Amino acid sequence: MKQLKAILIGLVIGVFIGMALGINIGRDRPLFSNPFAKESLVDRAKQLGSETLEKSGKALEKTGQALQDKAR
């Protein structure tokens, strides 16, 4: 009975730790950061803006390469 109790407690603790790490992975944050910390709207907007700028730059590069290849 003692072993079953220890296994059950270990399982519950493991589930809680796994959920916290999973939340951080899903939000692209460092693993051991606080998974329940609120991210400000300004930080979200900055991150979204930089991601959008980066993606548009890559798309522009691909388009430029395609045009250069077509011109040759």
N, C-alpha and C. Protein backbone atom coordinates (compact mmCIF):
# COMPACT_ATOMS: atom_id res chain seq x y z
N MET A 1 0.81 -1.20 0.00
CA MET A 1 0.00 0.00 0.00
C MET A 1 0.86 1.27 0.00
N LYS A 2 1.99 1.18 0.69
CA LYS A 2 2.89 2.32 0.76
C LYS A 2 3.48 2.64 -0.61
N GLN A 3 3.80 1.57 -1.36
CA GLN A 3 4.35 1.77 -2.70
C GLN A 3 3.32 2.41 -3.63
N LEU A 4 2.09 1.99 -3.54
CA LEU A 4 1.03 2.53 -4.39
C LEU A 4 0.83 4.02 -4.10
N LYS A 5 0.88 4.39 -2.84
CA LYS A 5 0.73 5.79 -2.46
C LYS A 5 1.88 6.63 -3.01
N ALA A 6 3.10 6.10 -2.93
CA ALA A 6 4.26 6.82 -3.43
C ALA A 6 4.18 6.97 -4.95
N ILE A 7 3.76 5.94 -5.63
CA ILE A 7 3.62 6.01 -7.09
C ILE A 7 2.56 7.02 -7.48
N LEU A 8 1.45 7.02 -6.79
CA LEU A 8 0.36 7.95 -7.08
C LEU A 8 0.79 9.40 -6.84
N ILE A 9 1.47 9.65 -5.75
CA ILE A 9 1.95 11.01 -5.47
C ILE A 9 2.96 11.45 -6.52
N GLY A 10 3.87 10.57 -6.90
CA GLY A 10 4.84 10.89 -7.94
C GLY A 10 4.18 11.16 -9.27
N LEU A 11 3.13 10.41 -9.58
CA LEU A 11 2.40 10.61 -10.82
C LEU A 11 1.70 11.97 -10.84
N VAL A 12 1.08 12.33 -9.75
CA VAL A 12 0.38 13.62 -9.67
C VAL A 12 1.37 14.78 -9.80
N ILE A 13 2.49 14.69 -9.11
CA ILE A 13 3.50 15.74 -9.20
C ILE A 13 4.05 15.81 -10.62
N GLY A 14 4.29 14.68 -11.24
CA GLY A 14 4.78 14.65 -12.62
C GLY A 14 3.82 15.26 -13.60
N VAL A 15 2.53 15.04 -13.39
CA VAL A 15 1.52 15.62 -14.28
C VAL A 15 1.53 17.15 -14.16
N PHE A 16 1.61 17.66 -12.95
CA PHE A 16 1.63 19.11 -12.76
C PHE A 16 2.87 19.75 -13.39
N ILE A 17 4.02 19.13 -13.21
CA ILE A 17 5.24 19.66 -13.81
C ILE A 17 5.17 19.57 -15.32
N GLY A 18 4.66 18.46 -15.84
CA GLY A 18 4.53 18.30 -17.28
C GLY A 18 3.58 19.31 -17.90
N MET A 19 2.50 19.61 -17.20
CA MET A 19 1.56 20.62 -17.71
C MET A 19 2.21 21.99 -17.77
N ALA A 20 2.95 22.35 -16.74
CA ALA A 20 3.61 23.65 -16.72
C ALA A 20 4.64 23.76 -17.85
N LEU A 21 5.41 22.71 -18.05
CA LEU A 21 6.39 22.73 -19.14
C LEU A 21 5.69 22.75 -20.50
N GLY A 22 4.58 22.04 -20.62
CA GLY A 22 3.84 22.03 -21.87
C GLY A 22 3.25 23.39 -22.22
N ILE A 23 2.79 24.10 -21.22
CA ILE A 23 2.27 25.45 -21.45
C ILE A 23 3.38 26.35 -21.97
N ASN A 24 4.57 26.26 -21.37
CA ASN A 24 5.70 27.08 -21.81
C ASN A 24 6.13 26.72 -23.23
N ILE A 25 6.12 25.44 -23.56
CA ILE A 25 6.49 25.03 -24.91
C ILE A 25 5.48 25.58 -25.90
N GLY A 26 4.20 25.50 -25.57
CA GLY A 26 3.15 25.99 -26.46
C GLY A 26 3.20 27.48 -26.69
N ARG A 27 3.70 28.21 -25.73
CA ARG A 27 3.77 29.67 -25.85
C ARG A 27 5.15 30.16 -26.30
N ASP A 28 6.02 29.25 -26.67
CA ASP A 28 7.39 29.57 -27.12
C ASP A 28 8.14 30.41 -26.09
N ARG A 29 8.09 29.97 -24.85
CA ARG A 29 8.81 30.63 -23.76
C ARG A 29 9.88 29.68 -23.24
N PRO A 30 10.83 30.18 -22.46
CA PRO A 30 11.80 29.29 -21.83
C PRO A 30 11.08 28.27 -20.94
N LEU A 31 11.61 27.05 -20.86
CA LEU A 31 10.91 25.97 -20.16
C LEU A 31 10.61 26.28 -18.70
N PHE A 32 11.56 26.85 -17.99
CA PHE A 32 11.38 27.03 -16.56
C PHE A 32 10.88 28.42 -16.18
N SER A 33 10.27 29.14 -17.11
CA SER A 33 9.68 30.44 -16.78
C SER A 33 8.28 30.20 -16.19
N ASN A 34 7.70 31.24 -15.65
CA ASN A 34 6.38 31.13 -15.04
C ASN A 34 5.33 30.95 -16.14
N PRO A 35 4.64 29.80 -16.17
CA PRO A 35 3.67 29.57 -17.24
C PRO A 35 2.40 30.39 -17.09
N PHE A 36 2.17 30.96 -15.91
CA PHE A 36 0.93 31.69 -15.67
C PHE A 36 1.13 33.20 -15.65
N ALA A 37 2.32 33.66 -16.00
CA ALA A 37 2.59 35.10 -16.03
C ALA A 37 1.85 35.72 -17.21
N LYS A 38 1.26 36.86 -16.97
CA LYS A 38 0.54 37.57 -18.02
C LYS A 38 1.53 38.33 -18.88
N GLU A 39 1.36 38.22 -20.18
CA GLU A 39 2.20 38.96 -21.11
C GLU A 39 1.43 40.23 -21.48
N SER A 40 2.10 41.36 -21.40
CA SER A 40 1.41 42.62 -21.66
C SER A 40 1.05 42.73 -23.14
N LEU A 41 0.08 43.54 -23.42
CA LEU A 41 -0.39 43.73 -24.79
C LEU A 41 0.70 44.37 -25.65
N VAL A 42 1.49 45.24 -25.07
CA VAL A 42 2.57 45.90 -25.80
C VAL A 42 3.62 44.86 -26.22
N ASP A 43 3.96 43.95 -25.32
CA ASP A 43 4.94 42.91 -25.64
C ASP A 43 4.42 42.00 -26.75
N ARG A 44 3.16 41.64 -26.67
CA ARG A 44 2.55 40.80 -27.72
C ARG A 44 2.59 41.51 -29.07
N ALA A 45 2.26 42.79 -29.08
CA ALA A 45 2.24 43.56 -30.33
C ALA A 45 3.65 43.65 -30.92
N LYS A 46 4.65 43.88 -30.08
CA LYS A 46 6.03 43.94 -30.56
C LYS A 46 6.47 42.61 -31.15
N GLN A 47 6.13 41.52 -30.47
CA GLN A 47 6.51 40.20 -30.96
C GLN A 47 5.81 39.89 -32.28
N LEU A 48 4.54 40.18 -32.36
CA LEU A 48 3.79 39.93 -33.59
C LEU A 48 4.32 40.78 -34.73
N GLY A 49 4.65 42.03 -34.45
CA GLY A 49 5.20 42.92 -35.48
C GLY A 49 6.54 42.43 -35.99
N SER A 50 7.41 41.99 -35.09
CA SER A 50 8.72 41.51 -35.54
C SER A 50 8.60 40.21 -36.33
N GLU A 51 7.68 39.33 -35.93
CA GLU A 51 7.47 38.09 -36.67
C GLU A 51 6.92 38.38 -38.06
N THR A 52 5.99 39.32 -38.15
CA THR A 52 5.40 39.68 -39.44
C THR A 52 6.45 40.29 -40.35
N LEU A 53 7.27 41.17 -39.80
CA LEU A 53 8.34 41.80 -40.57
C LEU A 53 9.34 40.76 -41.09
N GLU A 54 9.66 39.82 -40.24
CA GLU A 54 10.61 38.78 -40.63
C GLU A 54 10.04 37.90 -41.75
N LYS A 55 8.78 37.51 -41.63
CA LYS A 55 8.15 36.67 -42.66
C LYS A 55 8.01 37.42 -43.98
N SER A 56 7.67 38.70 -43.91
CA SER A 56 7.52 39.46 -45.15
C SER A 56 8.88 39.66 -45.82
N GLY A 57 9.93 39.81 -45.05
CA GLY A 57 11.27 39.93 -45.61
C GLY A 57 11.69 38.67 -46.34
N LYS A 58 11.38 37.52 -45.74
CA LYS A 58 11.71 36.25 -46.39
C LYS A 58 10.91 36.07 -47.67
N ALA A 59 9.64 36.45 -47.65
CA ALA A 59 8.81 36.34 -48.86
C ALA A 59 9.33 37.25 -49.95
N LEU A 60 9.77 38.43 -49.56
CA LEU A 60 10.32 39.38 -50.54
C LEU A 60 11.62 38.85 -51.15
N GLU A 61 12.45 38.21 -50.34
CA GLU A 61 13.68 37.61 -50.86
C GLU A 61 13.36 36.50 -51.86
N LYS A 62 12.40 35.66 -51.54
CA LYS A 62 12.03 34.57 -52.45
C LYS A 62 11.50 35.13 -53.77
N THR A 63 10.70 36.16 -53.68
CA THR A 63 10.15 36.77 -54.89
C THR A 63 11.27 37.37 -55.74
N GLY A 64 12.21 38.04 -55.09
CA GLY A 64 13.35 38.61 -55.81
C GLY A 64 14.18 37.53 -56.49
N GLN A 65 14.41 36.43 -55.81
CA GLN A 65 15.16 35.32 -56.39
C GLN A 65 14.43 34.74 -57.59
N ALA A 66 13.11 34.59 -57.47
CA ALA A 66 12.32 34.04 -58.58
C ALA A 66 12.39 34.97 -59.78
N LEU A 67 12.33 36.27 -59.56
CA LEU A 67 12.42 37.22 -60.66
C LEU A 67 13.80 37.19 -61.32
N GLN A 68 14.84 37.06 -60.52
CA GLN A 68 16.18 36.99 -61.08
C GLN A 68 16.36 35.71 -61.89
N ASP A 69 15.85 34.61 -61.39
CA ASP A 69 15.95 33.36 -62.12
C ASP A 69 15.16 33.41 -63.42
N LYS A 70 14.02 34.06 -63.39
CA LYS A 70 13.19 34.17 -64.58
C LYS A 70 13.83 35.07 -65.64
N ALA A 71 14.56 36.09 -65.18
CA ALA A 71 15.21 37.02 -66.10
C ALA A 71 16.39 36.38 -66.83
N ARG A 72 16.96 35.37 -66.24
CA ARG A 72 18.13 34.72 -66.84
C ARG A 72 17.75 33.82 -67.92
